[in-house]
């Protein structure tokens, strides 16, 4: 369960919850999403929008079985909701822990640094996947809050360039938004649920 509470961020009508009929036909709500503020400083806005997109991905997975979460979109794609969550755990780790914090840790699911491994959710469960993702999100939040400013930099392993925390946060917002579009289509294909 992800609950994102930012008192100043909530605006009337911005609170969204998602649920899906359980096997017994009752609605189960697991994720609460708070809309980002319409005013605030840059860092507050980046935090809020990133959390908003994190909650959106979790909402798209609410009320589904492990089997549903592993369901692939269409051949030849192997894309699934669980694969997206696994991928985002890798993205959180790579950008915050490895790049900004300089930790020498492997990816969550690939010792060789292959981001594609995460998409294979064939043997994954909701519990294992969400535990890993939420751990990485917690690390990311800790690293961001400990940074003196958005101008703090880290070394990006692939490009060899120094990148700012500002760029990392913007990149993560972009990455979640892109994959939340995929999640929209995947969820609709599973049970017809649309919207967020």
Protein backbone atom coordinates (compact mmCIF):
# COMPACT_ATOMS: atom_id res chain seq x y z
CA UNK A 1 0.00 0.00 0.00
CA UNK A 2 1.30 3.41 -0.92
CA UNK A 3 -0.11 6.40 0.89
CA UNK A 4 1.24 9.75 -0.14
CA UNK A 5 0.30 12.57 2.18
CA UNK A 6 1.44 16.09 1.63
CA UNK A 7 -0.98 18.30 3.49
CA UNK A 8 -0.03 21.43 1.57
CA UNK A 9 -0.23 19.56 -1.71
CA UNK A 10 -3.81 18.44 -1.40
CA UNK A 11 -6.36 20.57 -3.19
CA UNK A 12 -10.10 20.03 -2.98
CA UNK A 13 -11.04 17.35 -5.47
CA UNK A 14 -7.44 16.23 -6.07
CA UNK A 15 -7.58 13.09 -3.96
CA UNK A 16 -7.90 10.00 -6.11
CA UNK A 17 -8.27 6.43 -5.07
CA UNK A 18 -8.28 3.42 -7.27
CA UNK A 19 -9.77 0.08 -6.69
CA UNK A 20 -10.90 -2.90 -8.64
CA UNK A 21 -13.57 -5.46 -7.98
CA UNK A 22 -12.21 -8.30 -5.91
CA UNK A 23 -13.04 -11.87 -6.82
CA UNK A 24 -16.21 -11.51 -4.68
CA UNK A 25 -17.27 -8.38 -6.57
CA UNK A 26 -16.50 -5.88 -3.79
CA UNK A 27 -14.36 -2.82 -4.39
CA UNK A 28 -11.02 -2.75 -2.63
CA UNK A 29 -9.10 0.52 -2.34
CA UNK A 30 -5.38 0.15 -1.69
CA UNK A 31 -3.64 3.25 -3.00
CA UNK A 32 -4.31 6.88 -2.26
CA UNK A 33 -2.91 9.51 -4.59
CA UNK A 34 -2.70 13.18 -3.65
CA UNK A 35 -2.53 15.76 -6.42
CA UNK A 36 0.61 17.89 -6.56
CA UNK A 37 0.40 21.50 -5.35
CA UNK A 38 -0.28 24.29 -7.81
CA UNK A 39 2.18 26.59 -6.06
CA UNK A 40 5.42 26.00 -4.20
CA UNK A 41 9.13 26.06 -4.64
CA UNK A 42 10.90 23.98 -7.27
CA UNK A 43 11.99 21.18 -4.98
CA UNK A 44 8.56 20.81 -3.37
CA UNK A 45 6.95 20.64 -6.82
CA UNK A 46 9.43 18.04 -8.11
CA UNK A 47 8.92 15.87 -5.01
CA UNK A 48 5.15 16.09 -5.26
CA UNK A 49 4.98 15.31 -8.97
CA UNK A 50 7.36 12.37 -8.59
CA UNK A 51 5.28 10.95 -5.73
CA UNK A 52 2.11 11.51 -7.74
CA UNK A 53 3.48 9.44 -10.61
CA UNK A 54 4.73 6.73 -8.24
CA UNK A 55 1.23 6.46 -6.76
CA UNK A 56 -0.29 6.35 -10.24
CA UNK A 57 1.73 3.25 -11.13
CA UNK A 58 0.68 1.59 -7.87
CA UNK A 59 -2.97 2.46 -8.55
CA UNK A 60 -2.82 0.78 -11.93
CA UNK A 61 -1.90 -2.46 -10.15
CA UNK A 62 -4.54 -2.29 -7.41
CA UNK A 63 -6.97 -5.19 -7.10
CA UNK A 64 -5.20 -7.50 -9.54
CA UNK A 65 -3.90 -11.01 -8.95
CA UNK A 66 -0.27 -11.96 -9.54
CA UNK A 67 -1.41 -13.67 -12.73
CA UNK A 68 -3.13 -10.50 -13.95
CA UNK A 69 -0.07 -8.42 -13.09
CA UNK A 70 2.14 -10.77 -15.12
CA UNK A 71 -0.19 -10.70 -18.15
CA UNK A 72 1.71 -9.48 -21.21
CA UNK A 73 0.39 -6.81 -23.53
CA UNK A 74 0.62 -8.40 -26.97
CA UNK A 75 3.19 -10.43 -28.91
CA UNK A 76 6.05 -9.88 -29.37
CA UNK A 77 6.10 -7.48 -26.41
CA UNK A 78 6.80 -8.94 -22.97
CA UNK A 79 5.52 -5.79 -21.24
CA UNK A 80 3.39 -6.38 -18.13
CA UNK A 81 2.33 -4.30 -15.13
CA UNK A 82 4.59 -6.29 -12.83
CA UNK A 83 7.44 -5.86 -15.31
CA UNK A 84 6.91 -2.10 -15.26
CA UNK A 85 7.07 -1.98 -11.46
CA UNK A 86 10.24 -4.11 -11.53
CA UNK A 87 11.74 -1.79 -14.16
CA UNK A 88 10.95 1.29 -12.08
CA UNK A 89 12.68 -0.28 -9.07
CA UNK A 90 15.79 -0.53 -11.26
CA UNK A 91 15.39 3.06 -12.46
CA UNK A 92 15.03 4.39 -8.90
CA UNK A 93 18.15 2.46 -7.82
CA UNK A 94 20.24 3.43 -10.83
CA UNK A 95 19.55 7.16 -10.67
CA UNK A 96 19.37 7.85 -6.94
CA UNK A 97 21.57 5.25 -5.28
CA UNK A 98 24.12 4.58 -8.00
CA UNK A 99 24.30 7.99 -9.67
CA UNK A 100 23.53 10.62 -7.02
CA UNK A 101 24.69 8.72 -3.92
CA UNK A 102 27.58 6.93 -5.67
CA UNK A 103 26.72 3.53 -4.16
CA UNK A 104 28.44 0.53 -5.70
CA UNK A 105 25.39 -1.73 -5.85
CA UNK A 106 24.18 -3.94 -8.69
CA UNK A 107 20.76 -3.55 -10.21
CA UNK A 108 17.96 -5.24 -8.30
CA UNK A 109 17.45 -8.09 -10.78
CA UNK A 110 20.61 -8.05 -12.88
CA UNK A 111 24.19 -8.29 -11.69
CA UNK A 112 25.34 -7.51 -15.24
CA UNK A 113 23.50 -4.17 -15.43
CA UNK A 114 20.94 -5.33 -18.00
CA UNK A 115 17.79 -3.24 -17.45
CA UNK A 116 15.79 -5.59 -19.70
CA UNK A 117 15.95 -8.42 -17.15
CA UNK A 118 13.46 -6.59 -14.93
CA UNK A 119 10.76 -6.76 -17.60
CA UNK A 120 10.66 -10.55 -17.34
CA UNK A 121 8.07 -10.94 -14.61
CA UNK A 122 7.20 -14.55 -15.48
CA UNK A 123 8.28 -15.84 -12.06
CA UNK A 124 7.64 -12.64 -10.08
CA UNK A 125 5.03 -12.01 -7.42
CA UNK A 126 3.31 -8.81 -6.35
CA UNK A 127 4.80 -9.15 -2.86
CA UNK A 128 8.43 -9.52 -3.96
CA UNK A 129 8.14 -6.90 -6.68
CA UNK A 130 6.41 -4.24 -4.61
CA UNK A 131 8.69 -4.86 -1.62
CA UNK A 132 11.74 -4.25 -3.82
CA UNK A 133 10.19 -1.21 -5.51
CA UNK A 134 9.09 0.38 -2.22
CA UNK A 135 12.56 -0.19 -0.73
CA UNK A 136 14.12 1.63 -3.68
CA UNK A 137 11.59 4.47 -3.45
CA UNK A 138 12.44 4.83 0.26
CA UNK A 139 16.17 5.02 -0.57
CA UNK A 140 15.44 7.60 -3.27
CA UNK A 141 13.43 9.78 -0.90
CA UNK A 142 16.17 9.57 1.75
CA UNK A 143 18.88 10.54 -0.74
CA UNK A 144 16.86 13.44 -2.14
CA UNK A 145 16.00 14.83 1.29
CA UNK A 146 19.62 14.57 2.47
CA UNK A 147 20.93 16.52 -0.53
CA UNK A 148 21.78 20.15 0.16
CA UNK A 149 20.14 21.34 -3.04
CA UNK A 150 18.96 20.29 -6.47
CA UNK A 151 22.40 21.30 -7.75
CA UNK A 152 24.08 18.32 -6.04
CA UNK A 153 25.67 16.17 -8.74
CA UNK A 154 26.56 12.55 -9.25
CA UNK A 155 28.38 10.66 -11.99
CA UNK A 156 26.20 8.92 -14.57
CA UNK A 157 27.88 5.57 -15.27
CA UNK A 158 26.85 5.20 -18.92
CA UNK A 159 27.65 8.71 -20.14
CA UNK A 160 30.43 9.51 -17.67
CA UNK A 161 28.86 12.95 -17.18
CA UNK A 162 28.06 14.68 -13.94
CA UNK A 163 24.29 15.07 -13.58
CA UNK A 164 22.34 17.13 -11.07
CA UNK A 165 19.70 15.93 -8.66
CA UNK A 166 17.36 18.29 -10.53
CA UNK A 167 17.93 16.35 -13.76
CA UNK A 168 17.46 13.04 -11.94
CA UNK A 169 14.12 14.10 -10.48
CA UNK A 170 12.92 15.43 -13.82
CA UNK A 171 14.08 12.25 -15.55
CA UNK A 172 12.22 10.07 -13.03
CA UNK A 173 9.02 12.10 -13.53
CA UNK A 174 9.42 11.63 -17.29
CA UNK A 175 10.11 7.91 -16.92
CA UNK A 176 7.10 7.29 -14.66
CA UNK A 177 4.80 9.36 -16.88
CA UNK A 178 5.88 7.40 -19.95
CA UNK A 179 5.39 4.04 -18.28
CA UNK A 180 2.12 5.09 -16.66
CA UNK A 181 0.81 5.50 -20.21
CA UNK A 182 1.81 1.90 -20.85
CA UNK A 183 0.15 0.92 -17.55
CA UNK A 184 -3.10 2.59 -18.67
CA UNK A 185 -3.28 0.36 -21.73
CA UNK A 186 -2.19 -2.78 -19.88
CA UNK A 187 -4.82 -2.29 -17.17
CA UNK A 188 -7.57 -1.64 -19.68
CA UNK A 189 -6.63 -4.85 -21.46
CA UNK A 190 -6.83 -6.86 -18.24
CA UNK A 191 -10.20 -5.80 -16.85
CA UNK A 192 -11.42 -2.76 -18.77
CA UNK A 193 -10.47 -0.26 -16.02
CA UNK A 194 -9.63 3.14 -17.51
CA UNK A 195 -8.71 6.51 -16.06
CA UNK A 196 -6.74 7.20 -12.94
